[in-house]
Amino acid sequence: MWRLVVRPQVEDDLVEASLWYDKKQIGLGDQFLAEYVAAIYRILENPWLFSIAANGLRPCLIKRFSYMIHFAVEDDQIIVIAVMNAARDDASFVQRLP
């Protein structure tokens, strides 16, 4: 069984993205958050399905949205480091790495 650890900055990432999508269309932010949760469940089911990127993290695309969940696997933990737009440079969250 995996233990999910979410870095505190991830909440800020999710709020920012959700608000941005709600500005585009009311309710779209909630749909984004629902897809984020679905992606977390996919990660928890089998984190090994996601290959390691150049930054050492495993990215998971959030369906329907151009956002990625960047996470690490350590022992029995899945550590969510960032949720960022797929077009953003890794440098924007690399300081969050353990």
Protein backbone atom coordinates (compact mmCIF):
# COMPACT_ATOMS: atom_id res chain seq x y z
CA MET A 1 0.00 0.00 0.00
CA TRP A 2 1.34 3.40 -0.99
CA ARG A 3 1.38 6.39 1.32
CA LEU A 4 0.61 9.66 -0.47
CA VAL A 5 2.64 12.71 0.57
CA VAL A 6 1.75 16.03 -1.02
CA ARG A 7 4.15 18.95 -0.66
CA PRO A 8 2.48 22.11 0.74
CA GLN A 9 3.20 24.10 -2.45
CA VAL A 10 1.00 21.71 -4.44
CA GLU A 11 -2.11 23.22 -2.86
CA ASP A 12 -1.05 26.61 -4.22
CA ASP A 13 -0.48 25.03 -7.65
CA LEU A 14 -3.99 23.54 -7.62
CA VAL A 15 -5.70 26.74 -6.45
CA GLU A 16 -3.89 28.80 -9.09
CA ALA A 17 -4.79 26.39 -11.90
CA SER A 18 -8.38 25.99 -10.75
CA LEU A 19 -8.93 29.75 -10.59
CA TRP A 20 -7.36 30.19 -14.03
CA TYR A 21 -9.72 27.58 -15.54
CA ASP A 22 -12.75 29.10 -13.78
CA LYS A 23 -11.91 32.46 -15.40
CA LYS A 24 -12.13 30.71 -18.76
CA GLN A 25 -15.42 28.96 -17.94
CA ILE A 26 -17.34 28.68 -14.68
CA GLY A 27 -17.07 25.14 -13.32
CA LEU A 28 -14.01 24.25 -15.36
CA GLY A 29 -11.81 24.65 -12.28
CA ASP A 30 -13.86 21.97 -10.49
CA GLN A 31 -13.49 19.69 -13.51
CA PHE A 32 -9.72 20.26 -13.38
CA LEU A 33 -9.63 19.28 -9.70
CA ALA A 34 -11.70 16.14 -10.41
CA GLU A 35 -9.24 15.11 -13.13
CA TYR A 36 -6.35 15.79 -10.73
CA VAL A 37 -7.90 13.39 -8.20
CA ALA A 38 -8.43 10.78 -10.93
CA ALA A 39 -4.76 11.12 -11.93
CA ILE A 40 -3.68 10.67 -8.30
CA TYR A 41 -5.65 7.41 -8.20
CA ARG A 42 -3.92 6.27 -11.41
CA ILE A 43 -0.56 7.03 -9.81
CA LEU A 44 -1.48 5.17 -6.62
CA GLU A 45 -2.59 2.12 -8.61
CA ASN A 46 0.81 1.73 -10.23
CA PRO A 47 3.41 4.51 -10.02
CA TRP A 48 5.88 2.40 -12.00
CA LEU A 49 3.85 3.01 -15.17
CA PHE A 50 5.24 6.55 -15.29
CA SER A 51 8.81 6.81 -16.51
CA ILE A 52 11.42 9.00 -14.87
CA ALA A 53 12.00 12.33 -16.62
CA ALA A 54 15.31 14.16 -16.94
CA ASN A 55 14.63 16.05 -13.69
CA GLY A 56 14.41 12.74 -11.77
CA LEU A 57 10.67 12.94 -11.23
CA ARG A 58 7.84 10.96 -12.76
CA PRO A 59 5.32 13.09 -14.67
CA CYS A 60 1.65 12.18 -15.03
CA LEU A 61 -0.53 14.12 -17.45
CA ILE A 62 -3.87 15.27 -16.07
CA LYS A 63 -6.43 14.20 -18.68
CA ARG A 64 -8.21 16.95 -20.63
CA PHE A 65 -5.85 19.58 -19.24
CA SER A 66 -2.31 20.54 -20.10
CA TYR A 67 -1.07 20.02 -16.55
CA MET A 68 1.35 17.47 -15.17
CA ILE A 69 1.67 15.99 -11.72
CA HIS A 70 5.37 15.63 -10.93
CA PHE A 71 6.05 13.00 -8.29
CA ALA A 72 8.75 10.81 -6.79
CA VAL A 73 8.61 7.28 -5.39
CA GLU A 74 10.59 6.69 -2.22
CA ASP A 75 10.17 3.48 -0.23
CA ASP A 76 6.42 3.18 0.41
CA GLN A 77 5.72 6.84 -0.38
CA ILE A 78 4.52 8.66 -3.44
CA ILE A 79 5.60 12.28 -3.00
CA VAL A 80 3.79 14.85 -5.13
CA ILE A 81 6.27 17.68 -5.73
CA ALA A 82 4.37 19.94 -8.14
CA VAL A 83 1.35 20.33 -10.39
CA MET A 84 2.37 22.54 -13.29
CA ASN A 85 1.34 23.44 -16.79
CA ALA A 86 3.09 21.04 -19.14
CA ALA A 87 4.63 23.98 -21.02
CA ARG A 88 6.40 25.35 -17.92
CA ASP A 89 10.08 24.84 -17.41
CA ASP A 90 11.17 22.43 -14.68
CA ALA A 91 13.22 25.23 -13.14
CA SER A 92 10.00 26.70 -11.73
CA PHE A 93 9.73 23.86 -9.22
CA VAL A 94 13.18 22.22 -9.12
CA GLN A 95 13.89 23.90 -5.75
CA ARG A 96 11.11 21.73 -4.28
CA LEU A 97 13.09 18.54 -4.86
CA PRO A 98 14.15 16.67 -1.72
